[in-house]
């Protein structure tokens, strides 16, 4: 479980154009930093749907939301570089 906490989380849903764009941006992050991500469909959990339904896609790291809506790889990389240790 600790390993998953050190990865980026992408909260998303099916048929979401912004979520597809976010995946492309997160692949850029992975290629530049080695930091991988995993995807969570908010429709599989009522609590997640309530929390993130209007915000998706949402990128989170160690419990902190980095970005939501429009996702940009350079913003995520900047955030990760400010962490003392990441991924």
PDB file of N, CA and C in Angstrom:
ATOM      1  N   UNK A   1       0.822  -1.203   0.000  1.00  0.00           N
ATOM      2  CA  UNK A   1       0.000   0.000   0.000  1.00  0.00           C
ATOM      3  C   UNK A   1       0.862   1.261   0.000  1.00  0.00           C
ATOM      4  N   UNK A   2       2.022   1.195   0.653  1.00  0.00           N
ATOM      5  CA  UNK A   2       2.902   2.367   0.682  1.00  0.00           C
ATOM      6  C   UNK A   2       3.323   2.731  -0.736  1.00  0.00           C
ATOM      7  N   UNK A   3       3.595   1.726  -1.574  1.00  0.00           N
ATOM      8  CA  UNK A   3       4.011   1.990  -2.944  1.00  0.00           C
ATOM      9  C   UNK A   3       2.954   2.794  -3.695  1.00  0.00           C
ATOM     10  N   UNK A   4       1.687   2.431  -3.543  1.00  0.00           N
ATOM     11  CA  UNK A   4       0.624   3.157  -4.226  1.00  0.00           C
ATOM     12  C   UNK A   4       0.527   4.594  -3.752  1.00  0.00           C
ATOM     13  N   UNK A   5       0.788   4.843  -2.484  1.00  0.00           N
ATOM     14  CA  UNK A   5       0.735   6.209  -1.966  1.00  0.00           C
ATOM     15  C   UNK A   5       1.833   7.078  -2.558  1.00  0.00           C
ATOM     16  N   UNK A   6       2.890   6.460  -3.064  1.00  0.00           N
ATOM     17  CA  UNK A   6       3.980   7.221  -3.650  1.00  0.00           C
ATOM     18  C   UNK A   6       3.844   7.358  -5.152  1.00  0.00           C
ATOM     19  N   UNK A   7       2.703   6.970  -5.682  1.00  0.00           N
ATOM     20  CA  UNK A   7       2.405   7.179  -7.094  1.00  0.00           C
ATOM     21  C   UNK A   7       1.381   8.299  -7.206  1.00  0.00           C
ATOM     22  N   UNK A   8       1.300   8.849  -8.385  1.00  0.00           N
ATOM     23  CA  UNK A   8       0.241   9.811  -8.670  1.00  0.00           C
ATOM     24  C   UNK A   8      -1.072   9.058  -8.837  1.00  0.00           C
ATOM     25  N   UNK A   9      -2.150   9.644  -8.367  1.00  0.00           N
ATOM     26  CA  UNK A   9      -3.484   9.081  -8.561  1.00  0.00           C
ATOM     27  C   UNK A   9      -4.222   9.962  -9.549  1.00  0.00           C
ATOM     28  N   UNK A  10      -4.914   9.328 -10.468  1.00  0.00           N
ATOM     29  CA  UNK A  10      -5.774  10.039 -11.402  1.00  0.00           C
ATOM     30  C   UNK A  10      -7.208   9.588 -11.157  1.00  0.00           C
ATOM     31  N   UNK A  11      -8.024  10.476 -10.634  1.00  0.00           N
ATOM     32  CA  UNK A  11      -9.445  10.203 -10.489  1.00  0.00           C
ATOM     33  C   UNK A  11     -10.110  10.613 -11.792  1.00  0.00           C
ATOM     34  N   UNK A  12     -10.868   9.677 -12.378  1.00  0.00           N
ATOM     35  CA  UNK A  12     -11.437   9.926 -13.692  1.00  0.00           C
ATOM     36  C   UNK A  12     -12.766   9.201 -13.822  1.00  0.00           C
ATOM     37  N   UNK A  13     -13.308   9.231 -15.038  1.00  0.00           N
ATOM     38  CA  UNK A  13     -14.506   8.458 -15.362  1.00  0.00           C
ATOM     39  C   UNK A  13     -14.442   8.110 -16.847  1.00  0.00           C
ATOM     40  N   UNK A  14     -15.299   7.199 -17.254  1.00  0.00           N
ATOM     41  CA  UNK A  14     -15.358   6.807 -18.665  1.00  0.00           C
ATOM     42  C   UNK A  14     -15.974   7.923 -19.492  1.00  0.00           C
ATOM     43  N   UNK A  15     -15.616   7.942 -20.769  1.00  0.00           N
ATOM     44  CA  UNK A  15     -16.162   8.918 -21.719  1.00  0.00           C
ATOM     45  C   UNK A  15     -15.914  10.362 -21.285  1.00  0.00           C
ATOM     46  N   UNK A  16     -14.716  10.620 -20.825  1.00  0.00           N
ATOM     47  CA  UNK A  16     -14.338  11.948 -20.336  1.00  0.00           C
ATOM     48  C   UNK A  16     -13.138  12.434 -21.149  1.00  0.00           C
ATOM     49  N   UNK A  17     -13.370  13.416 -22.018  1.00  0.00           N
ATOM     50  CA  UNK A  17     -12.293  13.931 -22.864  1.00  0.00           C
ATOM     51  C   UNK A  17     -11.141  14.499 -22.031  1.00  0.00           C
ATOM     52  N   UNK A  18     -11.445  15.278 -21.012  1.00  0.00           N
ATOM     53  CA  UNK A  18     -10.387  15.847 -20.173  1.00  0.00           C
ATOM     54  C   UNK A  18      -9.581  14.762 -19.465  1.00  0.00           C
ATOM     55  N   UNK A  19     -10.227  13.654 -19.137  1.00  0.00           N
ATOM     56  CA  UNK A  19      -9.513  12.537 -18.513  1.00  0.00           C
ATOM     57  C   UNK A  19      -8.526  11.913 -19.485  1.00  0.00           C
ATOM     58  N   UNK A  20      -8.916  11.806 -20.739  1.00  0.00           N
ATOM     59  CA  UNK A  20      -8.007  11.265 -21.751  1.00  0.00           C
ATOM     60  C   UNK A  20      -6.811  12.195 -21.948  1.00  0.00           C
ATOM     61  N   UNK A  21      -7.055  13.485 -21.954  1.00  0.00           N
ATOM     62  CA  UNK A  21      -5.969  14.463 -22.055  1.00  0.00           C
ATOM     63  C   UNK A  21      -5.054  14.353 -20.833  1.00  0.00           C
ATOM     64  N   UNK A  22      -5.641  14.176 -19.658  1.00  0.00           N
ATOM     65  CA  UNK A  22      -4.855  14.044 -18.427  1.00  0.00           C
ATOM     66  C   UNK A  22      -3.929  12.832 -18.502  1.00  0.00           C
ATOM     67  N   UNK A  23      -4.405  11.724 -19.062  1.00  0.00           N
ATOM     68  CA  UNK A  23      -3.565  10.533 -19.194  1.00  0.00           C
ATOM     69  C   UNK A  23      -2.354  10.803 -20.086  1.00  0.00           C
ATOM     70  N   UNK A  24      -2.553  11.542 -21.160  1.00  0.00           N
ATOM     71  CA  UNK A  24      -1.438  11.910 -22.040  1.00  0.00           C
ATOM     72  C   UNK A  24      -0.432  12.760 -21.264  1.00  0.00           C
ATOM     73  N   UNK A  25      -0.928  13.714 -20.501  1.00  0.00           N
ATOM     74  CA  UNK A  25      -0.043  14.581 -19.703  1.00  0.00           C
ATOM     75  C   UNK A  25       0.701  13.777 -18.642  1.00  0.00           C
ATOM     76  N   UNK A  26       0.021  12.820 -18.015  1.00  0.00           N
ATOM     77  CA  UNK A  26       0.665  11.997 -16.987  1.00  0.00           C
ATOM     78  C   UNK A  26       1.692  11.050 -17.594  1.00  0.00           C
ATOM     79  N   UNK A  27       1.491  10.626 -18.816  1.00  0.00           N
ATOM     80  CA  UNK A  27       2.516   9.828 -19.506  1.00  0.00           C
ATOM     81  C   UNK A  27       3.764  10.681 -19.739  1.00  0.00           C
ATOM     82  N   UNK A  28       3.578  11.961 -20.038  1.00  0.00           N
ATOM     83  CA  UNK A  28       4.724  12.870 -20.186  1.00  0.00           C
ATOM     84  C   UNK A  28       5.468  13.000 -18.861  1.00  0.00           C
ATOM     85  N   UNK A  29       4.726  13.098 -17.776  1.00  0.00           N
ATOM     86  CA  UNK A  29       5.347  13.161 -16.443  1.00  0.00           C
ATOM     87  C   UNK A  29       6.155  11.884 -16.204  1.00  0.00           C
ATOM     88  N   UNK A  30       5.556  10.742 -16.502  1.00  0.00           N
ATOM     89  CA  UNK A  30       6.240   9.457 -16.310  1.00  0.00           C
ATOM     90  C   UNK A  30       7.520   9.387 -17.134  1.00  0.00           C
ATOM     91  N   UNK A  31       7.458   9.819 -18.392  1.00  0.00           N
ATOM     92  CA  UNK A  31       8.644   9.774 -19.259  1.00  0.00           C
ATOM     93  C   UNK A  31       9.750  10.700 -18.772  1.00  0.00           C
ATOM     94  N   UNK A  32       9.381  11.833 -18.183  1.00  0.00           N
ATOM     95  CA  UNK A  32      10.390  12.808 -17.756  1.00  0.00           C
ATOM     96  C   UNK A  32      10.901  12.568 -16.341  1.00  0.00           C
ATOM     97  N   UNK A  33      10.086  11.944 -15.478  1.00  0.00           N
ATOM     98  CA  UNK A  33      10.485  11.797 -14.078  1.00  0.00           C
ATOM     99  C   UNK A  33      10.568  10.357 -13.602  1.00  0.00           C
ATOM    100  N   UNK A  34       9.940   9.447 -14.335  1.00  0.00           N
ATOM    101  CA  UNK A  34       9.864   8.060 -13.890  1.00  0.00           C
ATOM    102  C   UNK A  34       8.731   7.818 -12.908  1.00  0.00           C
ATOM    103  N   UNK A  35       7.985   8.838 -12.604  1.00  0.00           N
ATOM    104  CA  UNK A  35       6.891   8.748 -11.644  1.00  0.00           C
ATOM    105  C   UNK A  35       5.631   8.244 -12.360  1.00  0.00           C
ATOM    106  N   UNK A  36       5.156   7.081 -11.970  1.00  0.00           N
ATOM    107  CA  UNK A  36       3.990   6.508 -12.623  1.00  0.00           C
ATOM    108  C   UNK A  36       2.702   6.952 -11.932  1.00  0.00           C
ATOM    109  N   UNK A  37       1.591   6.554 -12.515  1.00  0.00           N
ATOM    110  CA  UNK A  37       0.288   6.895 -11.950  1.00  0.00           C
ATOM    111  C   UNK A  37      -0.637   5.704 -12.065  1.00  0.00           C
ATOM    112  N   UNK A  38      -1.686   5.739 -11.286  1.00  0.00           N
ATOM    113  CA  UNK A  38      -2.744   4.760 -11.475  1.00  0.00           C
ATOM    114  C   UNK A  38      -4.072   5.490 -11.482  1.00  0.00           C
ATOM    115  N   UNK A  39      -5.014   4.883 -12.174  1.00  0.00           N
ATOM    116  CA  UNK A  39      -6.295   5.521 -12.437  1.00  0.00           C
ATOM    117  C   UNK A  39      -7.389   4.896 -11.571  1.00  0.00           C
ATOM    118  N   UNK A  40      -8.253   5.753 -11.049  1.00  0.00           N
ATOM    119  CA  UNK A  40      -9.386   5.313 -10.247  1.00  0.00           C
ATOM    120  C   UNK A  40     -10.649   5.899 -10.862  1.00  0.00           C
ATOM    121  N   UNK A  41     -11.590   5.029 -11.206  1.00  0.00           N
ATOM    122  CA  UNK A  41     -12.872   5.455 -11.766  1.00  0.00           C
ATOM    123  C   UNK A  41     -13.788   5.867 -10.613  1.00  0.00           C
ATOM    124  N   UNK A  42     -14.178   7.135 -10.580  1.00  0.00           N
ATOM    125  CA  UNK A  42     -14.985   7.634  -9.463  1.00  0.00           C
ATOM    126  C   UNK A  42     -16.376   7.009  -9.426  1.00  0.00           C
ATOM    127  N   UNK A  43     -16.823   6.427 -10.527  1.00  0.00           N
ATOM    128  CA  UNK A  43     -18.145   5.800 -10.551  1.00  0.00           C
ATOM    129  C   UNK A  43     -18.154   4.430  -9.866  1.00  0.00           C
ATOM    130  N   UNK A  44     -16.994   3.959  -9.437  1.00  0.00           N
ATOM    131  CA  UNK A  44     -16.926   2.698  -8.712  1.00  0.00           C
ATOM    132  C   UNK A  44     -17.059   2.891  -7.206  1.00  0.00           C
ATOM    133  N   UNK A  45     -17.159   4.134  -6.757  1.00  0.00           N
ATOM    134  CA  UNK A  45     -17.245   4.427  -5.323  1.00  0.00           C
ATOM    135  C   UNK A  45     -18.109   5.671  -5.130  1.00  0.00           C
ATOM    136  N   UNK A  46     -19.233   5.520  -4.441  1.00  0.00           N
ATOM    137  CA  UNK A  46     -20.163   6.640  -4.253  1.00  0.00           C
ATOM    138  C   UNK A  46     -19.510   7.832  -3.548  1.00  0.00           C
ATOM    139  N   UNK A  47     -18.632   7.560  -2.600  1.00  0.00           N
ATOM    140  CA  UNK A  47     -17.950   8.647  -1.883  1.00  0.00           C
ATOM    141  C   UNK A  47     -17.044   9.441  -2.819  1.00  0.00           C
ATOM    142  N   UNK A  48     -16.309   8.740  -3.674  1.00  0.00           N
ATOM    143  CA  UNK A  48     -15.447   9.418  -4.647  1.00  0.00           C
ATOM    144  C   UNK A  48     -16.273  10.206  -5.647  1.00  0.00           C
ATOM    145  N   UNK A  49     -17.390   9.644  -6.070  1.00  0.00           N
ATOM    146  CA  UNK A  49     -18.270  10.335  -7.000  1.00  0.00           C
ATOM    147  C   UNK A  49     -18.771  11.640  -6.400  1.00  0.00           C
ATOM    148  N   UNK A  50     -19.136  11.604  -5.126  1.00  0.00           N
ATOM    149  CA  UNK A  50     -19.601  12.811  -4.454  1.00  0.00           C
ATOM    150  C   UNK A  50     -18.477  13.832  -4.298  1.00  0.00           C
ATOM    151  N   UNK A  51     -17.270  13.366  -3.961  1.00  0.00           N
ATOM    152  CA  UNK A  51     -16.148  14.278  -3.726  1.00  0.00           C
ATOM    153  C   UNK A  51     -15.626  14.910  -5.015  1.00  0.00           C
ATOM    154  N   UNK A  52     -15.512  14.112  -6.081  1.00  0.00           N
ATOM    155  CA  UNK A  52     -14.809  14.563  -7.273  1.00  0.00           C
ATOM    156  C   UNK A  52     -15.675  14.691  -8.519  1.00  0.00           C
ATOM    157  N   UNK A  53     -16.966  14.435  -8.406  1.00  0.00           N
ATOM    158  CA  UNK A  53     -17.842  14.395  -9.571  1.00  0.00           C
ATOM    159  C   UNK A  53     -17.773  15.613 -10.473  1.00  0.00           C
ATOM    160  N   UNK A  54     -17.660  16.796  -9.894  1.00  0.00           N
ATOM    161  CA  UNK A  54     -17.622  18.024 -10.695  1.00  0.00           C
ATOM    162  C   UNK A  54     -16.202  18.502 -10.986  1.00  0.00           C
ATOM    163  N   UNK A  55     -15.206  17.816 -10.444  1.00  0.00           N
ATOM    164  CA  UNK A  55     -13.824  18.278 -10.562  1.00  0.00           C
ATOM    165  C   UNK A  55     -12.998  17.492 -11.573  1.00  0.00           C
ATOM    166  N   UNK A  56     -13.414  16.301 -11.938  1.00  0.00           N
ATOM    167  CA  UNK A  56     -12.541  15.408 -12.689  1.00  0.00           C
ATOM    168  C   UNK A  56     -12.090  15.985 -14.021  1.00  0.00           C
ATOM    169  N   UNK A  57     -10.937  15.590 -14.461  1.00  0.00           N
ATOM    170  CA  UNK A  57      -9.998  14.700 -13.799  1.00  0.00           C
ATOM    171  C   UNK A  57      -9.302  15.390 -12.624  1.00  0.00           C
ATOM    172  N   UNK A  58      -8.895  14.581 -11.660  1.00  0.00           N
ATOM    173  CA  UNK A  58      -8.187  15.080 -10.479  1.00  0.00           C
ATOM    174  C   UNK A  58      -6.891  14.290 -10.346  1.00  0.00           C
ATOM    175  N   UNK A  59      -5.776  14.995 -10.194  1.00  0.00           N
ATOM    176  CA  UNK A  59      -4.482  14.361  -9.959  1.00  0.00           C
ATOM    177  C   UNK A  59      -4.087  14.634  -8.519  1.00  0.00           C
ATOM    178  N   UNK A  60      -3.754  13.558  -7.817  1.00  0.00           N
ATOM    179  CA  UNK A  60      -3.426  13.648  -6.396  1.00  0.00           C
ATOM    180  C   UNK A  60      -2.102  12.937  -6.141  1.00  0.00           C
ATOM    181  N   UNK A  61      -1.351  13.450  -5.170  1.00  0.00           N
ATOM    182  CA  UNK A  61      -0.101  12.816  -4.760  1.00  0.00           C
ATOM    183  C   UNK A  61       0.004  12.879  -3.247  1.00  0.00           C
ATOM    184  N   UNK A  62       0.164  11.722  -2.627  1.00  0.00           N
ATOM    185  CA  UNK A  62       0.259  11.611  -1.169  1.00  0.00           C
ATOM    186  C   UNK A  62      -0.889  12.349  -0.480  1.00  0.00           C
ATOM    187  N   UNK A  63      -2.097  12.192  -1.010  1.00  0.00           N
ATOM    188  CA  UNK A  63      -3.282  12.789  -0.392  1.00  0.00           C
ATOM    189  C   UNK A  63      -3.527  14.240  -0.724  1.00  0.00           C
ATOM    190  N   UNK A  64      -2.645  14.861  -1.486  1.00  0.00           N
ATOM    191  CA  UNK A  64      -2.790  16.277  -1.839  1.00  0.00           C
ATOM    192  C   UNK A  64      -3.187  16.420  -3.303  1.00  0.00           C
ATOM    193  N   UNK A  65      -4.229  17.192  -3.545  1.00  0.00           N
ATOM    194  CA  UNK A  65      -4.641  17.446  -4.916  1.00  0.00           C
ATOM    195  C   UNK A  65      -3.645  18.403  -5.555  1.00  0.00           C
ATOM    196  N   UNK A  66      -3.076  17.973  -6.673  1.00  0.00           N
ATOM    197  CA  UNK A  66      -2.125  18.810  -7.404  1.00  0.00           C
ATOM    198  C   UNK A  66      -2.855  19.661  -8.429  1.00  0.00           C
ATOM    199  N   UNK A  67      -3.740  19.027  -9.189  1.00  0.00           N
ATOM    200  CA  UNK A  67      -4.497  19.728 -10.229  1.00  0.00           C
ATOM    201  C   UNK A  67      -5.825  19.033 -10.441  1.00  0.00           C
ATOM    202  N   UNK A  68      -6.772  19.785 -10.987  1.00  0.00           N
ATOM    203  CA  UNK A  68      -8.021  19.182 -11.444  1.00  0.00           C
ATOM    204  C   UNK A  68      -8.546  19.984 -12.621  1.00  0.00           C
ATOM    205  N   UNK A  69      -9.426  19.344 -13.390  1.00  0.00           N
ATOM    206  CA  UNK A  69      -9.932  19.994 -14.603  1.00  0.00           C
ATOM    207  C   UNK A  69      -8.909  19.886 -15.714  1.00  0.00           C
ATOM    208  N   UNK A  70      -8.289  20.975 -16.059  1.00  0.00           N
ATOM    209  CA  UNK A  70      -7.213  20.973 -17.063  1.00  0.00           C
ATOM    210  C   UNK A  70      -5.918  20.533 -16.388  1.00  0.00           C
ATOM    211  N   UNK A  71      -5.309  19.489 -16.918  1.00  0.00           N
ATOM    212  CA  UNK A  71      -4.084  18.928 -16.338  1.00  0.00           C
ATOM    213  C   UNK A  71      -2.912  19.248 -17.260  1.00  0.00           C
ATOM    214  N   UNK A  72      -1.833  19.762 -16.665  1.00  0.00           N
ATOM    215  CA  UNK A  72      -0.639  20.117 -17.423  1.00  0.00           C
ATOM    216  C   UNK A  72       0.574  19.421 -16.810  1.00  0.00           C
ATOM    217  N   UNK A  73       1.332  18.718 -17.635  1.00  0.00           N
ATOM    218  CA  UNK A  73       2.471  17.952 -17.115  1.00  0.00           C
ATOM    219  C   UNK A  73       3.512  18.846 -16.449  1.00  0.00           C
ATOM    220  N   UNK A  74       3.745  20.025 -16.985  1.00  0.00           N
ATOM    221  CA  UNK A  74       4.784  20.891 -16.398  1.00  0.00           C
ATOM    222  C   UNK A  74       4.413  21.334 -14.982  1.00  0.00           C
ATOM    223  N   UNK A  75       3.145  21.510 -14.702  1.00  0.00           N
ATOM    224  CA  UNK A  75       2.712  21.880 -13.346  1.00  0.00           C
ATOM    225  C   UNK A  75       2.938  20.720 -12.380  1.00  0.00           C
ATOM    226  N   UNK A  76       2.644  19.514 -12.830  1.00  0.00           N
ATOM    227  CA  UNK A  76       2.850  18.342 -11.976  1.00  0.00           C
ATOM    228  C   UNK A  76       4.337  18.122 -11.728  1.00  0.00           C
ATOM    229  N   UNK A  77       5.144  18.266 -12.762  1.00  0.00           N
ATOM    230  CA  UNK A  77       6.592  18.104 -12.603  1.00  0.00           C
ATOM    231  C   UNK A  77       7.139  19.152 -11.644  1.00  0.00           C
ATOM    232  N   UNK A  78       6.690  20.376 -11.768  1.00  0.00           N
ATOM    233  CA  UNK A  78       7.126  21.428 -10.847  1.00  0.00           C
ATOM    234  C   UNK A  78       6.761  21.055  -9.409  1.00  0.00           C
ATOM    235  N   UNK A  79       5.549  20.566  -9.197  1.00  0.00           N
ATOM    236  CA  UNK A  79       5.131  20.146  -7.859  1.00  0.00           C
ATOM    237  C   UNK A  79       6.028  19.025  -7.347  1.00  0.00           C
ATOM    238  N   UNK A  80       6.252  18.011  -8.171  1.00  0.00           N
ATOM    239  CA  UNK A  80       7.076  16.880  -7.745  1.00  0.00           C
ATOM    240  C   UNK A  80       8.500  17.314  -7.426  1.00  0.00           C
ATOM    241  N   UNK A  81       9.035  18.240  -8.194  1.00  0.00           N
ATOM    242  CA  UNK A  81      10.392  18.720  -7.937  1.00  0.00           C
ATOM    243  C   UNK A  81      10.494  19.478  -6.623  1.00  0.00           C
ATOM    244  N   UNK A  82       9.382  20.017  -6.144  1.00  0.00           N
ATOM    245  CA  UNK A  82       9.385  20.738  -4.877  1.00  0.00           C
ATOM    246  C   UNK A  82       9.293  19.785  -3.681  1.00  0.00           C
ATOM    247  N   UNK A  83       8.941  18.532  -3.929  1.00  0.00           N
ATOM    248  CA  UNK A  83       8.892  17.508  -2.886  1.00  0.00           C
ATOM    249  C   UNK A  83      10.328  17.061  -2.581  1.00  0.00           C
ATOM    250  N   UNK A  84      10.583  16.730  -1.308  1.00  0.00           N
ATOM    251  CA  UNK A  84      11.925  16.274  -0.964  1.00  0.00           C
ATOM    252  C   UNK A  84      12.222  14.902  -1.554  1.00  0.00           C
ATOM    253  N   UNK A  85      11.204  14.075  -1.657  1.00  0.00           N
ATOM    254  CA  UNK A  85      11.354  12.789  -2.349  1.00  0.00           C
ATOM    255  C   UNK A  85      10.037  12.466  -3.010  1.00  0.00           C
ATOM    256  N   UNK A  86      10.106  11.959  -4.215  1.00  0.00           N
ATOM    257  CA  UNK A  86       8.879  11.616  -4.903  1.00  0.00           C
ATOM    258  C   UNK A  86       9.030  10.309  -5.651  1.00  0.00           C
ATOM    259  N   UNK A  87       7.905   9.670  -5.824  1.00  0.00           N
ATOM    260  CA  UNK A  87       7.763   8.401  -6.552  1.00  0.00           C
ATOM    261  C   UNK A  87       8.912   7.494  -6.246  1.00  0.00           C
TER     262      UNK A  87
END
